């Protein structure tokens, strides 16, 4: 964690947000080419890519696991709390992007 906390917090949110939005829109090009329903595929991709957006936003799992280990074994609860907030921020970014896609595609309405 060489970066200050608040920039990392906002970066985590917007990286996850961008991965879900961008991945869904770019991934739907294949649905367009193959003739599948475009908006349905955008919705499906956005729900499937959320966990990968969280992993991409927190910078991989090794730093997070190391920070959790440091928090538990060395008594550094401050680092543990910071990692928890970064993961929570990434989850919020992925969820808000998925909600925006759901609102735009209207696939949740049957």
PDB file of N, CA and C in Angstrom:
ATOM      1  N   UNK A   1       0.826  -1.172   0.000  1.00  0.00           N
ATOM      2  CA  UNK A   1       0.000   0.000   0.000  1.00  0.00           C
ATOM      3  C   UNK A   1       0.878   1.247   0.000  1.00  0.00           C
ATOM      4  N   UNK A   2       1.491   1.519  -1.104  1.00  0.00           N
ATOM      5  CA  UNK A   2       2.337   2.686  -1.237  1.00  0.00           C
ATOM      6  C   UNK A   2       1.525   3.938  -1.508  1.00  0.00           C
ATOM      7  N   UNK A   3       0.307   3.776  -1.925  1.00  0.00           N
ATOM      8  CA  UNK A   3      -0.552   4.891  -2.298  1.00  0.00           C
ATOM      9  C   UNK A   3      -1.333   5.358  -1.063  1.00  0.00           C
ATOM     10  N   UNK A   4      -1.644   6.642  -1.010  1.00  0.00           N
ATOM     11  CA  UNK A   4      -2.462   7.162   0.074  1.00  0.00           C
ATOM     12  C   UNK A   4      -3.839   6.497   0.028  1.00  0.00           C
ATOM     13  N   UNK A   5      -4.520   6.482   1.159  1.00  0.00           N
ATOM     14  CA  UNK A   5      -5.749   5.698   1.250  1.00  0.00           C
ATOM     15  C   UNK A   5      -6.884   6.263   0.401  1.00  0.00           C
ATOM     16  N   UNK A   6      -7.171   7.550   0.500  1.00  0.00           N
ATOM     17  CA  UNK A   6      -8.329   8.090  -0.213  1.00  0.00           C
ATOM     18  C   UNK A   6      -8.204   8.022  -1.729  1.00  0.00           C
ATOM     19  N   UNK A   7      -7.047   8.299  -2.309  1.00  0.00           N
ATOM     20  CA  UNK A   7      -6.945   8.064  -3.757  1.00  0.00           C
ATOM     21  C   UNK A   7      -7.136   6.594  -4.125  1.00  0.00           C
ATOM     22  N   UNK A   8      -6.621   5.697  -3.313  1.00  0.00           N
ATOM     23  CA  UNK A   8      -6.805   4.269  -3.583  1.00  0.00           C
ATOM     24  C   UNK A   8      -8.270   3.872  -3.430  1.00  0.00           C
ATOM     25  N   UNK A   9      -8.964   4.496  -2.485  1.00  0.00           N
ATOM     26  CA  UNK A   9     -10.380   4.214  -2.259  1.00  0.00           C
ATOM     27  C   UNK A   9     -11.206   4.598  -3.486  1.00  0.00           C
ATOM     28  N   UNK A  10     -10.974   5.806  -4.003  1.00  0.00           N
ATOM     29  CA  UNK A  10     -11.715   6.248  -5.187  1.00  0.00           C
ATOM     30  C   UNK A  10     -11.278   5.497  -6.441  1.00  0.00           C
ATOM     31  N   UNK A  11      -9.992   5.205  -6.554  1.00  0.00           N
ATOM     32  CA  UNK A  11      -9.519   4.415  -7.692  1.00  0.00           C
ATOM     33  C   UNK A  11     -10.161   3.039  -7.701  1.00  0.00           C
ATOM     34  N   UNK A  12     -10.274   2.429  -6.548  1.00  0.00           N
ATOM     35  CA  UNK A  12     -10.884   1.109  -6.445  1.00  0.00           C
ATOM     36  C   UNK A  12     -12.329   1.134  -6.939  1.00  0.00           C
ATOM     37  N   UNK A  13     -13.073   2.164  -6.533  1.00  0.00           N
ATOM     38  CA  UNK A  13     -14.466   2.285  -6.958  1.00  0.00           C
ATOM     39  C   UNK A  13     -14.574   2.435  -8.472  1.00  0.00           C
ATOM     40  N   UNK A  14     -13.824   3.367  -9.020  1.00  0.00           N
ATOM     41  CA  UNK A  14     -13.988   3.681 -10.437  1.00  0.00           C
ATOM     42  C   UNK A  14     -13.339   2.647 -11.354  1.00  0.00           C
ATOM     43  N   UNK A  15     -12.334   1.940 -10.892  1.00  0.00           N
ATOM     44  CA  UNK A  15     -11.775   0.852 -11.697  1.00  0.00           C
ATOM     45  C   UNK A  15     -12.797  -0.265 -11.827  1.00  0.00           C
ATOM     46  N   UNK A  16     -13.425  -0.647 -10.718  1.00  0.00           N
ATOM     47  CA  UNK A  16     -14.458  -1.686 -10.777  1.00  0.00           C
ATOM     48  C   UNK A  16     -15.635  -1.227 -11.626  1.00  0.00           C
ATOM     49  N   UNK A  17     -16.014   0.026 -11.493  1.00  0.00           N
ATOM     50  CA  UNK A  17     -17.100   0.587 -12.293  1.00  0.00           C
ATOM     51  C   UNK A  17     -16.778   0.508 -13.778  1.00  0.00           C
ATOM     52  N   UNK A  18     -15.570   0.914 -14.130  1.00  0.00           N
ATOM     53  CA  UNK A  18     -15.167   0.915 -15.533  1.00  0.00           C
ATOM     54  C   UNK A  18     -15.023  -0.466 -16.123  1.00  0.00           C
ATOM     55  N   UNK A  19     -14.557  -1.421 -15.319  1.00  0.00           N
ATOM     56  CA  UNK A  19     -14.412  -2.790 -15.818  1.00  0.00           C
ATOM     57  C   UNK A  19     -15.780  -3.380 -16.140  1.00  0.00           C
ATOM     58  N   UNK A  20     -16.762  -3.146 -15.292  1.00  0.00           N
ATOM     59  CA  UNK A  20     -18.098  -3.702 -15.548  1.00  0.00           C
ATOM     60  C   UNK A  20     -18.745  -3.023 -16.753  1.00  0.00           C
ATOM     61  N   UNK A  21     -18.701  -1.695 -16.812  1.00  0.00           N
ATOM     62  CA  UNK A  21     -19.319  -0.985 -17.934  1.00  0.00           C
ATOM     63  C   UNK A  21     -18.606  -1.329 -19.243  1.00  0.00           C
ATOM     64  N   UNK A  22     -17.292  -1.204 -19.249  1.00  0.00           N
ATOM     65  CA  UNK A  22     -16.530  -1.463 -20.470  1.00  0.00           C
ATOM     66  C   UNK A  22     -16.583  -2.911 -20.903  1.00  0.00           C
ATOM     67  N   UNK A  23     -16.447  -3.814 -19.951  1.00  0.00           N
ATOM     68  CA  UNK A  23     -16.494  -5.237 -20.287  1.00  0.00           C
ATOM     69  C   UNK A  23     -17.836  -5.656 -20.837  1.00  0.00           C
ATOM     70  N   UNK A  24     -18.899  -5.098 -20.285  1.00  0.00           N
ATOM     71  CA  UNK A  24     -20.237  -5.443 -20.781  1.00  0.00           C
ATOM     72  C   UNK A  24     -20.469  -4.915 -22.187  1.00  0.00           C
ATOM     73  N   UNK A  25     -20.049  -3.694 -22.422  1.00  0.00           N
ATOM     74  CA  UNK A  25     -20.285  -3.108 -23.748  1.00  0.00           C
ATOM     75  C   UNK A  25     -19.380  -3.729 -24.816  1.00  0.00           C
ATOM     76  N   UNK A  26     -18.129  -3.949 -24.492  1.00  0.00           N
ATOM     77  CA  UNK A  26     -17.221  -4.566 -25.464  1.00  0.00           C
ATOM     78  C   UNK A  26     -17.570  -6.044 -25.660  1.00  0.00           C
ATOM     79  N   UNK A  27     -17.940  -6.708 -24.588  1.00  0.00           N
ATOM     80  CA  UNK A  27     -18.315  -8.120 -24.700  1.00  0.00           C
ATOM     81  C   UNK A  27     -19.589  -8.347 -25.486  1.00  0.00           C
ATOM     82  N   UNK A  28     -20.434  -7.336 -25.547  1.00  0.00           N
ATOM     83  CA  UNK A  28     -21.691  -7.500 -26.285  1.00  0.00           C
ATOM     84  C   UNK A  28     -21.501  -7.408 -27.789  1.00  0.00           C
ATOM     85  N   UNK A  29     -20.313  -7.044 -28.218  1.00  0.00           N
ATOM     86  CA  UNK A  29     -20.051  -7.017 -29.667  1.00  0.00           C
ATOM     87  C   UNK A  29     -20.200  -8.420 -30.256  1.00  0.00           C
ATOM     88  N   UNK A  30     -19.786  -9.429 -29.509  1.00  0.00           N
ATOM     89  CA  UNK A  30     -19.941 -10.811 -29.976  1.00  0.00           C
ATOM     90  C   UNK A  30     -21.413 -11.184 -30.117  1.00  0.00           C
ATOM     91  N   UNK A  31     -22.247 -10.698 -29.202  1.00  0.00           N
ATOM     92  CA  UNK A  31     -23.681 -10.964 -29.312  1.00  0.00           C
ATOM     93  C   UNK A  31     -24.260 -10.294 -30.551  1.00  0.00           C
ATOM     94  N   UNK A  32     -23.788  -9.117 -30.852  1.00  0.00           N
ATOM     95  CA  UNK A  32     -24.250  -8.407 -32.045  1.00  0.00           C
ATOM     96  C   UNK A  32     -23.834  -9.147 -33.306  1.00  0.00           C
ATOM     97  N   UNK A  33     -22.590  -9.635 -33.332  1.00  0.00           N
ATOM     98  CA  UNK A  33     -22.094 -10.332 -34.519  1.00  0.00           C
ATOM     99  C   UNK A  33     -22.815 -11.654 -34.726  1.00  0.00           C
ATOM    100  N   UNK A  34     -23.110 -12.375 -33.638  1.00  0.00           N
ATOM    101  CA  UNK A  34     -23.751 -13.685 -33.757  1.00  0.00           C
ATOM    102  C   UNK A  34     -25.269 -13.608 -33.843  1.00  0.00           C
ATOM    103  N   UNK A  35     -25.840 -12.423 -33.694  1.00  0.00           N
ATOM    104  CA  UNK A  35     -27.279 -12.276 -33.848  1.00  0.00           C
ATOM    105  C   UNK A  35     -28.081 -12.593 -32.603  1.00  0.00           C
ATOM    106  N   UNK A  36     -27.442 -12.658 -31.442  1.00  0.00           N
ATOM    107  CA  UNK A  36     -28.157 -12.898 -30.187  1.00  0.00           C
ATOM    108  C   UNK A  36     -28.744 -11.585 -29.680  1.00  0.00           C
ATOM    109  N   UNK A  37     -29.704 -11.659 -28.756  1.00  0.00           N
ATOM    110  CA  UNK A  37     -30.297 -10.416 -28.244  1.00  0.00           C
ATOM    111  C   UNK A  37     -29.255  -9.574 -27.501  1.00  0.00           C
ATOM    112  N   UNK A  38     -29.041  -8.376 -27.975  1.00  0.00           N
ATOM    113  CA  UNK A  38     -27.942  -7.533 -27.515  1.00  0.00           C
ATOM    114  C   UNK A  38     -28.117  -7.090 -26.064  1.00  0.00           C
ATOM    115  N   UNK A  39     -29.267  -6.559 -25.732  1.00  0.00           N
ATOM    116  CA  UNK A  39     -29.465  -6.037 -24.381  1.00  0.00           C
ATOM    117  C   UNK A  39     -29.456  -7.152 -23.332  1.00  0.00           C
ATOM    118  N   UNK A  40     -29.966  -8.309 -23.696  1.00  0.00           N
ATOM    119  CA  UNK A  40     -29.924  -9.444 -22.773  1.00  0.00           C
ATOM    120  C   UNK A  40     -28.494  -9.872 -22.502  1.00  0.00           C
ATOM    121  N   UNK A  41     -27.671  -9.888 -23.525  1.00  0.00           N
ATOM    122  CA  UNK A  41     -26.271 -10.266 -23.349  1.00  0.00           C
ATOM    123  C   UNK A  41     -25.498  -9.228 -22.558  1.00  0.00           C
ATOM    124  N   UNK A  42     -25.800  -7.960 -22.748  1.00  0.00           N
ATOM    125  CA  UNK A  42     -25.148  -6.919 -21.953  1.00  0.00           C
ATOM    126  C   UNK A  42     -25.470  -7.126 -20.475  1.00  0.00           C
ATOM    127  N   UNK A  43     -26.712  -7.408 -20.164  1.00  0.00           N
ATOM    128  CA  UNK A  43     -27.132  -7.659 -18.778  1.00  0.00           C
ATOM    129  C   UNK A  43     -26.452  -8.901 -18.220  1.00  0.00           C
ATOM    130  N   UNK A  44     -26.395  -9.974 -18.997  1.00  0.00           N
ATOM    131  CA  UNK A  44     -25.754 -11.207 -18.532  1.00  0.00           C
ATOM    132  C   UNK A  44     -24.261 -11.019 -18.285  1.00  0.00           C
ATOM    133  N   UNK A  45     -23.601 -10.343 -19.189  1.00  0.00           N
ATOM    134  CA  UNK A  45     -22.160 -10.123 -19.035  1.00  0.00           C
ATOM    135  C   UNK A  45     -21.884  -9.253 -17.817  1.00  0.00           C
ATOM    136  N   UNK A  46     -22.710  -8.247 -17.590  1.00  0.00           N
ATOM    137  CA  UNK A  46     -22.474  -7.371 -16.439  1.00  0.00           C
ATOM    138  C   UNK A  46     -22.642  -8.119 -15.123  1.00  0.00           C
ATOM    139  N   UNK A  47     -23.529  -9.082 -15.068  1.00  0.00           N
ATOM    140  CA  UNK A  47     -23.679  -9.851 -13.830  1.00  0.00           C
ATOM    141  C   UNK A  47     -22.567 -10.886 -13.660  1.00  0.00           C
ATOM    142  N   UNK A  48     -21.999 -11.367 -14.762  1.00  0.00           N
ATOM    143  CA  UNK A  48     -20.937 -12.368 -14.681  1.00  0.00           C
ATOM    144  C   UNK A  48     -19.559 -11.763 -14.437  1.00  0.00           C
ATOM    145  N   UNK A  49     -19.349 -10.526 -14.808  1.00  0.00           N
ATOM    146  CA  UNK A  49     -18.015  -9.930 -14.758  1.00  0.00           C
ATOM    147  C   UNK A  49     -17.759  -9.177 -13.446  1.00  0.00           C
ATOM    148  N   UNK A  50     -18.748  -9.084 -12.581  1.00  0.00           N
ATOM    149  CA  UNK A  50     -18.601  -8.267 -11.371  1.00  0.00           C
ATOM    150  C   UNK A  50     -17.480  -8.751 -10.458  1.00  0.00           C
ATOM    151  N   UNK A  51     -17.322 -10.027 -10.242  1.00  0.00           N
ATOM    152  CA  UNK A  51     -16.273 -10.509  -9.351  1.00  0.00           C
ATOM    153  C   UNK A  51     -14.892 -10.205  -9.922  1.00  0.00           C
ATOM    154  N   UNK A  52     -14.757 -10.266 -11.237  1.00  0.00           N
ATOM    155  CA  UNK A  52     -13.466  -9.974 -11.861  1.00  0.00           C
ATOM    156  C   UNK A  52     -13.167  -8.485 -11.798  1.00  0.00           C
ATOM    157  N   UNK A  53     -14.198  -7.683 -11.815  1.00  0.00           N
ATOM    158  CA  UNK A  53     -13.997  -6.243 -11.664  1.00  0.00           C
ATOM    159  C   UNK A  53     -13.488  -5.916 -10.261  1.00  0.00           C
ATOM    160  N   UNK A  54     -13.996  -6.619  -9.269  1.00  0.00           N
ATOM    161  CA  UNK A  54     -13.542  -6.400  -7.895  1.00  0.00           C
ATOM    162  C   UNK A  54     -12.087  -6.811  -7.752  1.00  0.00           C
ATOM    163  N   UNK A  55     -11.724  -7.952  -8.325  1.00  0.00           N
ATOM    164  CA  UNK A  55     -10.334  -8.423  -8.255  1.00  0.00           C
ATOM    165  C   UNK A  55      -9.405  -7.454  -8.985  1.00  0.00           C
ATOM    166  N   UNK A  56      -9.836  -6.958 -10.126  1.00  0.00           N
ATOM    167  CA  UNK A  56      -9.010  -6.002 -10.869  1.00  0.00           C
ATOM    168  C   UNK A  56      -8.861  -4.690 -10.107  1.00  0.00           C
ATOM    169  N   UNK A  57      -9.898  -4.269  -9.420  1.00  0.00           N
ATOM    170  CA  UNK A  57      -9.866  -2.991  -8.715  1.00  0.00           C
ATOM    171  C   UNK A  57      -8.957  -3.022  -7.488  1.00  0.00           C
ATOM    172  N   UNK A  58      -8.902  -4.145  -6.800  1.00  0.00           N
ATOM    173  CA  UNK A  58      -8.059  -4.190  -5.602  1.00  0.00           C
ATOM    174  C   UNK A  58      -6.627  -4.548  -5.943  1.00  0.00           C
ATOM    175  N   UNK A  59      -6.333  -4.723  -7.208  1.00  0.00           N
ATOM    176  CA  UNK A  59      -4.954  -4.942  -7.626  1.00  0.00           C
ATOM    177  C   UNK A  59      -4.484  -6.364  -7.479  1.00  0.00           C
ATOM    178  N   UNK A  60      -5.358  -7.319  -7.617  1.00  0.00           N
ATOM    179  CA  UNK A  60      -4.977  -8.712  -7.452  1.00  0.00           C
ATOM    180  C   UNK A  60      -5.184  -9.151  -6.014  1.00  0.00           C
ATOM    181  N   UNK A  61      -5.034 -10.412  -5.767  1.00  0.00           N
ATOM    182  CA  UNK A  61      -5.353 -10.932  -4.439  1.00  0.00           C
ATOM    183  C   UNK A  61      -4.148 -11.043  -3.525  1.00  0.00           C
ATOM    184  N   UNK A  62      -2.938 -11.015  -4.045  1.00  0.00           N
ATOM    185  CA  UNK A  62      -1.771 -11.243  -3.196  1.00  0.00           C
ATOM    186  C   UNK A  62      -1.530 -10.096  -2.223  1.00  0.00           C
ATOM    187  N   UNK A  63      -1.685  -8.874  -2.659  1.00  0.00           N
ATOM    188  CA  UNK A  63      -1.525  -7.746  -1.753  1.00  0.00           C
ATOM    189  C   UNK A  63      -2.589  -7.745  -0.670  1.00  0.00           C
ATOM    190  N   UNK A  64      -3.796  -8.096  -1.052  1.00  0.00           N
ATOM    191  CA  UNK A  64      -4.885  -8.131  -0.086  1.00  0.00           C
ATOM    192  C   UNK A  64      -4.667  -9.227   0.945  1.00  0.00           C
ATOM    193  N   UNK A  65      -4.252 -10.404   0.493  1.00  0.00           N
ATOM    194  CA  UNK A  65      -3.992 -11.503   1.420  1.00  0.00           C
ATOM    195  C   UNK A  65      -2.846 -11.141   2.357  1.00  0.00           C
ATOM    196  N   UNK A  66      -1.817 -10.498   1.832  1.00  0.00           N
ATOM    197  CA  UNK A  66      -0.694 -10.076   2.671  1.00  0.00           C
ATOM    198  C   UNK A  66      -1.143  -9.057   3.713  1.00  0.00           C
ATOM    199  N   UNK A  67      -1.999  -8.128   3.317  1.00  0.00           N
ATOM    200  CA  UNK A  67      -2.485  -7.129   4.269  1.00  0.00           C
ATOM    201  C   UNK A  67      -3.374  -7.749   5.332  1.00  0.00           C
ATOM    202  N   UNK A  68      -4.198  -8.723   4.949  1.00  0.00           N
ATOM    203  CA  UNK A  68      -5.006  -9.421   5.940  1.00  0.00           C
ATOM    204  C   UNK A  68      -4.126 -10.213   6.908  1.00  0.00           C
ATOM    205  N   UNK A  69      -3.106 -10.861   6.376  1.00  0.00           N
ATOM    206  CA  UNK A  69      -2.176 -11.599   7.233  1.00  0.00           C
ATOM    207  C   UNK A  69      -1.478 -10.643   8.201  1.00  0.00           C
ATOM    208  N   UNK A  70      -1.043  -9.522   7.702  1.00  0.00           N
ATOM    209  CA  UNK A  70      -0.384  -8.520   8.548  1.00  0.00           C
ATOM    210  C   UNK A  70      -1.338  -8.014   9.622  1.00  0.00           C
ATOM    211  N   UNK A  71      -2.588  -7.836   9.253  1.00  0.00           N
ATOM    212  CA  UNK A  71      -3.580  -7.357  10.213  1.00  0.00           C
ATOM    213  C   UNK A  71      -3.867  -8.362  11.305  1.00  0.00           C
ATOM    214  N   UNK A  72      -3.961  -9.629  10.943  1.00  0.00           N
ATOM    215  CA  UNK A  72      -4.279 -10.647  11.939  1.00  0.00           C
ATOM    216  C   UNK A  72      -3.073 -11.035  12.783  1.00  0.00           C
ATOM    217  N   UNK A  73      -1.951 -11.271  12.146  1.00  0.00           N
ATOM    218  CA  UNK A  73      -0.808 -11.815  12.868  1.00  0.00           C
ATOM    219  C   UNK A  73       0.041 -10.748  13.542  1.00  0.00           C
ATOM    220  N   UNK A  74       0.160  -9.594  12.943  1.00  0.00           N
ATOM    221  CA  UNK A  74       1.001  -8.552  13.522  1.00  0.00           C
ATOM    222  C   UNK A  74       0.211  -7.526  14.320  1.00  0.00           C
ATOM    223  N   UNK A  75      -1.066  -7.689  14.392  1.00  0.00           N
ATOM    224  CA  UNK A  75      -1.890  -6.764  15.163  1.00  0.00           C
ATOM    225  C   UNK A  75      -2.119  -5.432  14.476  1.00  0.00           C
ATOM    226  N   UNK A  76      -1.933  -5.372  13.176  1.00  0.00           N
ATOM    227  CA  UNK A  76      -2.141  -4.130  12.425  1.00  0.00           C
ATOM    228  C   UNK A  76      -3.575  -4.015  11.970  1.00  0.00           C
ATOM    229  N   UNK A  77      -4.463  -3.715  12.888  1.00  0.00           N
ATOM    230  CA  UNK A  77      -5.885  -3.657  12.525  1.00  0.00           C
ATOM    231  C   UNK A  77      -6.182  -2.487  11.594  1.00  0.00           C
ATOM    232  N   UNK A  78      -5.326  -1.479  11.606  1.00  0.00           N
ATOM    233  CA  UNK A  78      -5.521  -0.346  10.698  1.00  0.00           C
ATOM    234  C   UNK A  78      -5.405  -0.797   9.245  1.00  0.00           C
ATOM    235  N   UNK A  79      -4.405  -1.628   8.925  1.00  0.00           N
ATOM    236  CA  UNK A  79      -4.250  -2.144   7.566  1.00  0.00           C
ATOM    237  C   UNK A  79      -5.392  -3.074   7.189  1.00  0.00           C
ATOM    238  N   UNK A  80      -5.848  -3.854   8.153  1.00  0.00           N
ATOM    239  CA  UNK A  80      -6.968  -4.762   7.911  1.00  0.00           C
ATOM    240  C   UNK A  80      -8.229  -3.972   7.580  1.00  0.00           C
ATOM    241  N   UNK A  81      -8.472  -2.913   8.331  1.00  0.00           N
ATOM    242  CA  UNK A  81      -9.649  -2.079   8.096  1.00  0.00           C
ATOM    243  C   UNK A  81      -9.559  -1.360   6.748  1.00  0.00           C
ATOM    244  N   UNK A  82      -8.370  -0.883   6.383  1.00  0.00           N
ATOM    245  CA  UNK A  82      -8.185  -0.219   5.092  1.00  0.00           C
ATOM    246  C   UNK A  82      -8.460  -1.183   3.941  1.00  0.00           C
ATOM    247  N   UNK A  83      -7.970  -2.412   4.018  1.00  0.00           N
ATOM    248  CA  UNK A  83      -8.225  -3.387   2.958  1.00  0.00           C
ATOM    249  C   UNK A  83      -9.701  -3.730   2.863  1.00  0.00           C
ATOM    250  N   UNK A  84     -10.361  -3.826   4.009  1.00  0.00           N
ATOM    251  CA  UNK A  84     -11.794  -4.085   4.005  1.00  0.00           C
ATOM    252  C   UNK A  84     -12.540  -2.956   3.303  1.00  0.00           C
ATOM    253  N   UNK A  85     -12.157  -1.713   3.571  1.00  0.00           N
ATOM    254  CA  UNK A  85     -12.811  -0.577   2.924  1.00  0.00           C
ATOM    255  C   UNK A  85     -12.520  -0.521   1.431  1.00  0.00           C
ATOM    256  N   UNK A  86     -11.304  -0.904   1.027  1.00  0.00           N
ATOM    257  CA  UNK A  86     -10.984  -0.932  -0.404  1.00  0.00           C
ATOM    258  C   UNK A  86     -11.824  -1.985  -1.134  1.00  0.00           C
ATOM    259  N   UNK A  87     -11.981  -3.147  -0.518  1.00  0.00           N
ATOM    260  CA  UNK A  87     -12.813  -4.200  -1.115  1.00  0.00           C
ATOM    261  C   UNK A  87     -14.265  -3.745  -1.171  1.00  0.00           C
ATOM    262  N   UNK A  88     -14.723  -3.099  -0.114  1.00  0.00           N
ATOM    263  CA  UNK A  88     -16.092  -2.593  -0.086  1.00  0.00           C
ATOM    264  C   UNK A  88     -16.312  -1.527  -1.158  1.00  0.00           C
ATOM    265  N   UNK A  89     -15.314  -0.682  -1.374  1.00  0.00           N
ATOM    266  CA  UNK A  89     -15.403   0.330  -2.425  1.00  0.00           C
ATOM    267  C   UNK A  89     -15.477  -0.315  -3.806  1.00  0.00           C
ATOM    268  N   UNK A  90     -14.664  -1.335  -4.033  1.00  0.00           N
ATOM    269  CA  UNK A  90     -14.697  -2.039  -5.319  1.00  0.00           C
ATOM    270  C   UNK A  90     -16.034  -2.734  -5.527  1.00  0.00           C
ATOM    271  N   UNK A  91     -16.578  -3.310  -4.473  1.00  0.00           N
ATOM    272  CA  UNK A  91     -17.892  -3.950  -4.584  1.00  0.00           C
ATOM    273  C   UNK A  91     -18.969  -2.920  -4.904  1.00  0.00           C
ATOM    274  N   UNK A  92     -18.856  -1.739  -4.314  1.00  0.00           N
ATOM    275  CA  UNK A  92     -19.820  -0.676  -4.603  1.00  0.00           C
ATOM    276  C   UNK A  92     -19.733  -0.208  -6.044  1.00  0.00           C
ATOM    277  N   UNK A  93     -18.519  -0.090  -6.567  1.00  0.00           N
ATOM    278  CA  UNK A  93     -18.352   0.316  -7.961  1.00  0.00           C
ATOM    279  C   UNK A  93     -18.917  -0.698  -8.930  1.00  0.00           C
ATOM    280  N   UNK A  94     -18.672  -1.972  -8.651  1.00  0.00           N
ATOM    281  CA  UNK A  94     -19.193  -3.026  -9.529  1.00  0.00           C
ATOM    282  C   UNK A  94     -20.721  -3.096  -9.460  1.00  0.00           C
ATOM    283  N   UNK A  95     -21.261  -2.953  -8.263  1.00  0.00           N
ATOM    284  CA  UNK A  95     -22.715  -3.020  -8.108  1.00  0.00           C
ATOM    285  C   UNK A  95     -23.404  -1.821  -8.746  1.00  0.00           C
ATOM    286  N   UNK A  96     -22.830  -0.630  -8.579  1.00  0.00           N
ATOM    287  CA  UNK A  96     -23.468   0.544  -9.171  1.00  0.00           C
ATOM    288  C   UNK A  96     -23.411   0.500 -10.696  1.00  0.00           C
ATOM    289  N   UNK A  97     -22.322  -0.024 -11.255  1.00  0.00           N
ATOM    290  CA  UNK A  97     -22.259  -0.173 -12.714  1.00  0.00           C
ATOM    291  C   UNK A  97     -23.279  -1.200 -13.195  1.00  0.00           C
ATOM    292  N   UNK A  98     -23.434  -2.289 -12.456  1.00  0.00           N
ATOM    293  CA  UNK A  98     -24.432  -3.300 -12.835  1.00  0.00           C
ATOM    294  C   UNK A  98     -25.847  -2.729 -12.741  1.00  0.00           C
ATOM    295  N   UNK A  99     -26.090  -1.875 -11.754  1.00  0.00           N
ATOM    296  CA  UNK A  99     -27.409  -1.245 -11.641  1.00  0.00           C
ATOM    297  C   UNK A  99     -27.678  -0.286 -12.797  1.00  0.00           C
ATOM    298  N   UNK A 100     -26.672   0.473 -13.188  1.00  0.00           N
ATOM    299  CA  UNK A 100     -26.841   1.384 -14.320  1.00  0.00           C
ATOM    300  C   UNK A 100     -27.131   0.601 -15.599  1.00  0.00           C
ATOM    301  N   UNK A 101     -26.427  -0.507 -15.791  1.00  0.00           N
ATOM    302  CA  UNK A 101     -26.687  -1.343 -16.968  1.00  0.00           C
ATOM    303  C   UNK A 101     -28.084  -1.934 -16.901  1.00  0.00           C
ATOM    304  N   UNK A 102     -28.517  -2.363 -15.717  1.00  0.00           N
ATOM    305  CA  UNK A 102     -29.874  -2.904 -15.573  1.00  0.00           C
ATOM    306  C   UNK A 102     -30.918  -1.829 -15.867  1.00  0.00           C
ATOM    307  N   UNK A 103     -30.663  -0.607 -15.443  1.00  0.00           N
ATOM    308  CA  UNK A 103     -31.606   0.484 -15.729  1.00  0.00           C
ATOM    309  C   UNK A 103     -31.647   0.797 -17.219  1.00  0.00           C
ATOM    310  N   UNK A 104     -30.506   0.788 -17.862  1.00  0.00           N
ATOM    311  CA  UNK A 104     -30.465   1.127 -19.288  1.00  0.00           C
ATOM    312  C   UNK A 104     -31.046   0.031 -20.171  1.00  0.00           C
ATOM    313  N   UNK A 105     -30.792  -1.231 -19.829  1.00  0.00           N
ATOM    314  CA  UNK A 105     -31.258  -2.315 -20.668  1.00  0.00           C
ATOM    315  C   UNK A 105     -32.699  -2.713 -20.362  1.00  0.00           C
ATOM    316  N   UNK A 106     -33.180  -2.449 -19.162  1.00  0.00           N
ATOM    317  CA  UNK A 106     -34.528  -2.813 -18.732  1.00  0.00           C
ATOM    318  C   UNK A 106     -34.781  -4.316 -18.869  1.00  0.00           C
ATOM    319  N   UNK A 107     -33.765  -5.119 -18.691  1.00  0.00           N
ATOM    320  CA  UNK A 107     -33.942  -6.573 -18.794  1.00  0.00           C
ATOM    321  C   UNK A 107     -34.519  -7.190 -17.548  1.00  0.00           C
ATOM    322  N   UNK A 108     -34.513  -6.484 -16.441  1.00  0.00           N
ATOM    323  CA  UNK A 108     -35.059  -7.016 -15.210  1.00  0.00           C
ATOM    324  C   UNK A 108     -36.577  -6.925 -15.169  1.00  0.00           C
ATOM    325  N   UNK A 109     -37.176  -6.191 -16.097  1.00  0.00           N
ATOM    326  CA  UNK A 109     -38.625  -6.064 -16.175  1.00  0.00           C
ATOM    327  C   UNK A 109     -39.145  -7.126 -17.124  1.00  0.00           C
ATOM    328  N   UNK A 110     -40.055  -7.962 -16.632  1.00  0.00           N
ATOM    329  CA  UNK A 110     -40.608  -9.012 -17.488  1.00  0.00           C
ATOM    330  C   UNK A 110     -42.088  -8.835 -17.689  1.00  0.00           C
TER     331      UNK A 110
END
